[in-house]
Amino acid sequence: MDDNRFPASLRLQKNRQFRAVYDAGRVVRSQYFVLVFLRAEQLKVGVVVSKKVGNAVVRNRLKRLMREAFRRNRKYIQGQYHIIMAARPPAAELKGPEAMSALEHLLQRAKFIPACD
């Protein structure tokens, strides 16, 4: 698989998939983002940004950053999970590198990727 792509096969797309993760998944929160995850048969990620976060430009920028953080770090994720990454309203104020750093820190706290020294 090309490491530079984010194919549909890696995305949570159905409402029932999101519901299952929200209903039975574990949650890790930070000031800017929330991660909800559940063991599954295949690694997939869903990205959620509410209208409370900002206008369409802001929401789409955050979604791109969240998908990129996952794409960069998916090779480190051991095991199969369904993961939902959701942005909180304070995330709208983050610049690109700050958002990526906050997301990677959250992935480390969830023990998906190794901690950097």
C-alpha atoms as a PDB file:
ATOM      1  CA  MET A   1       0.000   0.000   0.000  1.00  0.00           C
ATOM      2  CA  ASP A   2       1.282   3.462  -0.899  1.00  0.00           C
ATOM      3  CA  ASP A   3       2.184   5.197   2.361  1.00  0.00           C
ATOM      4  CA  ASN A   4       1.249   8.618   0.944  1.00  0.00           C
ATOM      5  CA  ARG A   5      -2.420   7.827   0.457  1.00  0.00           C
ATOM      6  CA  PHE A   6      -5.434   7.645   2.711  1.00  0.00           C
ATOM      7  CA  PRO A   7      -7.706   5.171   0.910  1.00  0.00           C
ATOM      8  CA  ALA A   8     -11.374   4.594   1.629  1.00  0.00           C
ATOM      9  CA  SER A   9     -10.503   1.149   3.003  1.00  0.00           C
ATOM     10  CA  LEU A  10      -8.909   2.885   6.028  1.00  0.00           C
ATOM     11  CA  ARG A  11     -11.908   5.123   6.761  1.00  0.00           C
ATOM     12  CA  LEU A  12     -14.890   4.601   9.016  1.00  0.00           C
ATOM     13  CA  GLN A  13     -17.805   5.523   6.774  1.00  0.00           C
ATOM     14  CA  LYS A  14     -20.991   3.985   8.119  1.00  0.00           C
ATOM     15  CA  ASN A  15     -23.021   5.435  10.971  1.00  0.00           C
ATOM     16  CA  ARG A  16     -23.202   1.990  12.605  1.00  0.00           C
ATOM     17  CA  GLN A  17     -19.387   1.814  12.699  1.00  0.00           C
ATOM     18  CA  PHE A  18     -19.200   5.195  14.441  1.00  0.00           C
ATOM     19  CA  ARG A  19     -21.993   4.202  16.870  1.00  0.00           C
ATOM     20  CA  ALA A  20     -20.218   0.964  17.803  1.00  0.00           C
ATOM     21  CA  VAL A  21     -16.995   2.824  18.611  1.00  0.00           C
ATOM     22  CA  TYR A  22     -18.776   5.549  20.587  1.00  0.00           C
ATOM     23  CA  ASP A  23     -20.882   3.005  22.516  1.00  0.00           C
ATOM     24  CA  ALA A  24     -18.144   0.546  23.504  1.00  0.00           C
ATOM     25  CA  GLY A  25     -14.837   2.327  22.873  1.00  0.00           C
ATOM     26  CA  ARG A  26     -12.228   3.745  25.212  1.00  0.00           C
ATOM     27  CA  VAL A  27     -11.696   7.516  25.317  1.00  0.00           C
ATOM     28  CA  VAL A  28      -8.539   9.626  25.591  1.00  0.00           C
ATOM     29  CA  ARG A  29      -9.035  13.402  25.776  1.00  0.00           C
ATOM     30  CA  SER A  30      -6.854  16.455  25.500  1.00  0.00           C
ATOM     31  CA  GLN A  31      -7.578  20.163  25.425  1.00  0.00           C
ATOM     32  CA  TYR A  32      -7.818  20.129  21.620  1.00  0.00           C
ATOM     33  CA  PHE A  33      -8.796  16.621  20.511  1.00  0.00           C
ATOM     34  CA  VAL A  34     -10.628  13.468  21.606  1.00  0.00           C
ATOM     35  CA  LEU A  35      -9.676   9.932  20.595  1.00  0.00           C
ATOM     36  CA  VAL A  36     -12.210   7.098  20.878  1.00  0.00           C
ATOM     37  CA  PHE A  37     -11.032   3.623  19.932  1.00  0.00           C
ATOM     38  CA  LEU A  38     -12.224   0.050  19.916  1.00  0.00           C
ATOM     39  CA  ARG A  39     -10.529  -3.217  18.958  1.00  0.00           C
ATOM     40  CA  ALA A  40     -11.796  -4.380  15.582  1.00  0.00           C
ATOM     41  CA  GLU A  41     -11.066  -6.731  12.701  1.00  0.00           C
ATOM     42  CA  GLN A  42      -9.341  -4.023  10.625  1.00  0.00           C
ATOM     43  CA  LEU A  43      -7.569  -0.709  11.259  1.00  0.00           C
ATOM     44  CA  LYS A  44      -9.877   2.181  10.292  1.00  0.00           C
ATOM     45  CA  VAL A  45     -10.157   5.807  11.306  1.00  0.00           C
ATOM     46  CA  GLY A  46     -13.004   8.301  11.359  1.00  0.00           C
ATOM     47  CA  VAL A  47     -12.535  12.061  11.561  1.00  0.00           C
ATOM     48  CA  VAL A  48     -15.150  14.279  13.227  1.00  0.00           C
ATOM     49  CA  VAL A  49     -15.225  18.071  13.442  1.00  0.00           C
ATOM     50  CA  SER A  50     -18.405  19.705  14.764  1.00  0.00           C
ATOM     51  CA  LYS A  51     -19.807  23.003  13.515  1.00  0.00           C
ATOM     52  CA  LYS A  52     -19.067  24.317  17.018  1.00  0.00           C
ATOM     53  CA  VAL A  53     -15.367  24.299  16.068  1.00  0.00           C
ATOM     54  CA  GLY A  54     -15.646  26.882  13.295  1.00  0.00           C
ATOM     55  CA  ASN A  55     -16.674  27.568   9.741  1.00  0.00           C
ATOM     56  CA  ALA A  56     -16.199  25.143   6.839  1.00  0.00           C
ATOM     57  CA  VAL A  57     -12.676  26.355   6.079  1.00  0.00           C
ATOM     58  CA  VAL A  58     -11.531  25.744   9.656  1.00  0.00           C
ATOM     59  CA  ARG A  59     -13.289  22.366   9.905  1.00  0.00           C
ATOM     60  CA  ASN A  60     -11.819  21.112   6.632  1.00  0.00           C
ATOM     61  CA  ARG A  61      -8.302  22.261   7.597  1.00  0.00           C
ATOM     62  CA  LEU A  62      -8.567  20.373  10.886  1.00  0.00           C
ATOM     63  CA  LYS A  63      -9.852  17.257   9.116  1.00  0.00           C
ATOM     64  CA  ARG A  64      -6.892  17.347   6.731  1.00  0.00           C
ATOM     65  CA  LEU A  65      -4.472  17.714   9.649  1.00  0.00           C
ATOM     66  CA  MET A  66      -6.104  14.855  11.567  1.00  0.00           C
ATOM     67  CA  ARG A  67      -5.972  12.513   8.554  1.00  0.00           C
ATOM     68  CA  GLU A  68      -2.335  13.479   7.967  1.00  0.00           C
ATOM     69  CA  ALA A  69      -1.404  12.756  11.594  1.00  0.00           C
ATOM     70  CA  PHE A  70      -2.967   9.309  11.250  1.00  0.00           C
ATOM     71  CA  ARG A  71      -1.313   8.685   7.877  1.00  0.00           C
ATOM     72  CA  ARG A  72       2.131   9.576   9.254  1.00  0.00           C
ATOM     73  CA  ASN A  73       1.770   7.352  12.302  1.00  0.00           C
ATOM     74  CA  ARG A  74      -0.283   4.354  11.131  1.00  0.00           C
ATOM     75  CA  LYS A  75       2.852   2.257  10.596  1.00  0.00           C
ATOM     76  CA  TYR A  76       3.473   2.392  14.372  1.00  0.00           C
ATOM     77  CA  ILE A  77      -0.019   1.254  15.380  1.00  0.00           C
ATOM     78  CA  GLN A  78       0.094  -2.338  16.572  1.00  0.00           C
ATOM     79  CA  GLY A  79      -3.155  -4.253  16.374  1.00  0.00           C
ATOM     80  CA  GLN A  80      -6.453  -3.595  14.688  1.00  0.00           C
ATOM     81  CA  TYR A  81      -8.687  -0.785  15.903  1.00  0.00           C
ATOM     82  CA  HIS A  82     -11.482   1.470  14.827  1.00  0.00           C
ATOM     83  CA  ILE A  83     -10.387   4.958  15.857  1.00  0.00           C
ATOM     84  CA  ILE A  84     -12.426   8.160  15.908  1.00  0.00           C
ATOM     85  CA  MET A  85     -10.492  11.426  16.104  1.00  0.00           C
ATOM     86  CA  ALA A  86     -12.660  14.411  17.038  1.00  0.00           C
ATOM     87  CA  ALA A  87     -11.650  18.072  17.277  1.00  0.00           C
ATOM     88  CA  ARG A  88     -12.730  20.283  20.153  1.00  0.00           C
ATOM     89  CA  PRO A  89     -13.458  24.021  19.658  1.00  0.00           C
ATOM     90  CA  PRO A  90     -10.049  25.247  20.984  1.00  0.00           C
ATOM     91  CA  ALA A  91      -8.361  23.292  18.146  1.00  0.00           C
ATOM     92  CA  ALA A  92      -9.539  25.966  15.700  1.00  0.00           C
ATOM     93  CA  GLU A  93      -6.847  28.317  17.022  1.00  0.00           C
ATOM     94  CA  LEU A  94      -3.961  25.880  16.409  1.00  0.00           C
ATOM     95  CA  LYS A  95      -1.493  26.313  13.572  1.00  0.00           C
ATOM     96  CA  GLY A  96      -0.568  23.266  11.485  1.00  0.00           C
ATOM     97  CA  PRO A  97       2.554  22.095  13.376  1.00  0.00           C
ATOM     98  CA  GLU A  98       0.889  22.701  16.750  1.00  0.00           C
ATOM     99  CA  ALA A  99      -2.145  20.631  15.740  1.00  0.00           C
ATOM    100  CA  MET A 100       0.061  17.796  14.448  1.00  0.00           C
ATOM    101  CA  SER A 101       2.052  17.814  17.680  1.00  0.00           C
ATOM    102  CA  ALA A 102      -1.125  17.769  19.807  1.00  0.00           C
ATOM    103  CA  LEU A 103      -2.529  14.854  17.794  1.00  0.00           C
ATOM    104  CA  GLU A 104       0.709  12.876  17.995  1.00  0.00           C
ATOM    105  CA  HIS A 105       0.851  13.469  21.750  1.00  0.00           C
ATOM    106  CA  LEU A 106      -2.713  12.152  22.059  1.00  0.00           C
ATOM    107  CA  LEU A 107      -1.807   9.052  20.002  1.00  0.00           C
ATOM    108  CA  GLN A 108       1.130   8.509  22.374  1.00  0.00           C
ATOM    109  CA  ARG A 109      -1.121   8.812  25.422  1.00  0.00           C
ATOM    110  CA  ALA A 110      -3.426   6.189  23.895  1.00  0.00           C
ATOM    111  CA  LYS A 111      -0.313   3.995  23.456  1.00  0.00           C
ATOM    112  CA  PHE A 112      -0.769   3.756  19.673  1.00  0.00           C
ATOM    113  CA  ILE A 113       2.632   5.222  18.861  1.00  0.00           C
ATOM    114  CA  PRO A 114       5.891   5.216  20.843  1.00  0.00           C
ATOM    115  CA  ALA A 115       6.731   8.245  22.955  1.00  0.00           C
ATOM    116  CA  CYS A 116       9.445  10.557  21.626  1.00  0.00           C
ATOM    117  CA  ASP A 117      12.311  11.359  23.953  1.00  0.00           C
END
